[in-house]
Amino acid sequence: MAEFPEDKEVILSTDYKNHSINMNFSDNLVDDREKGYILSAAFFAFAANQGLDKQEVIEMVNSHYDEFTGDDGASLFKRL
C-alpha cells in the first residue's frame, strides 16, 4: 500500500483594522510552488463557485495583480 504525504494546512484570517488578510502555513508547508498551487486552486474554486466566467476571472486578475506584486513592500506576496 502506498504511503500518503503528510497533510498540510493554510489558515486565512482577516485583519480589518489594517486592511489585510493574514496567511499562516503549517510548518511542513515550506515549498513556495506548493503554497502557490494550494492558493491558486482555492482562488479558482471560489471563482467557479461564484459563477464567474473565464473572462471575468481574467479581468479580475488584470485589475488587481499589481496589488499582490508591487515593489513598495506592501504587496501581499512580499509579506508572506
Protein backbone atom coordinates (compact mmCIF):
# COMPACT_ATOMS: atom_id res chain seq x y z
CA MET A 1 0.00 0.00 0.00
CA ALA A 2 1.37 3.42 -0.98
CA GLU A 3 2.13 5.84 1.81
CA PHE A 4 0.40 9.22 1.59
CA PRO A 5 2.31 12.50 2.07
CA GLU A 6 1.76 14.41 5.29
CA ASP A 7 -1.29 16.73 5.29
CA LYS A 8 -0.57 20.46 5.09
CA GLU A 9 -2.59 23.47 6.15
CA VAL A 10 -3.19 27.11 5.21
CA ILE A 11 -5.12 29.29 7.66
CA LEU A 12 -6.56 32.60 6.43
CA SER A 13 -7.78 35.31 8.77
CA THR A 14 -8.89 38.89 8.28
CA ASP A 15 -7.44 41.99 9.87
CA TYR A 16 -9.95 44.71 9.09
CA LYS A 17 -8.12 47.30 11.19
CA ASN A 18 -5.04 47.00 8.95
CA HIS A 19 -7.00 46.14 5.79
CA SER A 20 -5.20 42.86 5.31
CA ILE A 21 -5.64 39.13 5.11
CA ASN A 22 -3.23 37.03 7.16
CA MET A 23 -1.95 33.67 5.93
CA ASN A 24 -0.40 31.10 8.21
CA PHE A 25 1.09 27.94 6.78
CA SER A 26 1.70 24.70 8.64
CA ASP A 27 5.37 24.07 9.49
CA ASN A 28 5.59 21.34 6.85
CA LEU A 29 4.37 23.65 4.06
CA VAL A 30 7.60 25.34 3.02
CA ASP A 31 7.75 24.94 -0.78
CA ASP A 32 6.60 28.21 -2.43
CA ARG A 33 5.38 26.32 -5.51
CA GLU A 34 3.20 24.13 -3.34
CA LYS A 35 1.85 27.18 -1.48
CA GLY A 36 1.05 28.78 -4.84
CA TYR A 37 -0.69 25.66 -6.09
CA ILE A 38 -2.90 25.46 -2.98
CA LEU A 39 -3.77 29.17 -3.02
CA SER A 40 -4.46 29.29 -6.77
CA ALA A 41 -6.64 26.17 -6.55
CA ALA A 42 -8.63 27.85 -3.76
CA PHE A 43 -9.00 31.02 -5.85
CA PHE A 44 -10.26 29.18 -8.92
CA ALA A 45 -12.63 27.06 -6.80
CA PHE A 46 -14.03 30.25 -5.25
CA ALA A 47 -14.39 31.93 -8.65
CA ALA A 48 -16.19 28.91 -10.10
CA ASN A 49 -18.47 28.67 -7.06
CA GLN A 50 -19.38 32.34 -7.51
CA GLY A 51 -20.32 31.67 -11.12
CA LEU A 52 -17.57 33.83 -12.63
CA ASP A 53 -16.77 33.02 -16.22
CA LYS A 54 -13.26 32.88 -17.64
CA GLN A 55 -13.34 36.47 -18.93
CA GLU A 56 -14.44 37.81 -15.53
CA VAL A 57 -11.56 35.98 -13.83
CA ILE A 58 -9.12 37.37 -16.41
CA GLU A 59 -10.41 40.91 -15.80
CA MET A 60 -10.19 40.45 -12.02
CA VAL A 61 -6.56 39.36 -12.30
CA ASN A 62 -5.74 42.20 -14.72
CA SER A 63 -7.33 44.74 -12.37
CA HIS A 64 -5.73 43.60 -9.10
CA TYR A 65 -2.48 41.77 -9.92
CA ASP A 66 -0.27 44.77 -9.07
CA GLU A 67 -1.69 44.87 -5.54
CA PHE A 68 -0.07 41.49 -4.96
CA THR A 69 3.25 42.05 -6.68
CA GLY A 70 4.06 45.75 -6.21
CA ASP A 71 7.59 46.88 -5.38
CA ASP A 72 6.61 49.15 -2.49
CA GLY A 73 6.99 46.43 0.17
CA ALA A 74 3.27 46.47 0.92
CA SER A 75 2.31 43.78 -1.56
CA LEU A 76 0.70 40.63 -0.27
CA PHE A 77 3.42 38.30 -1.52
CA LYS A 78 6.26 40.41 -0.13
CA ARG A 79 4.73 39.94 3.33
CA LEU A 80 4.47 36.13 3.17
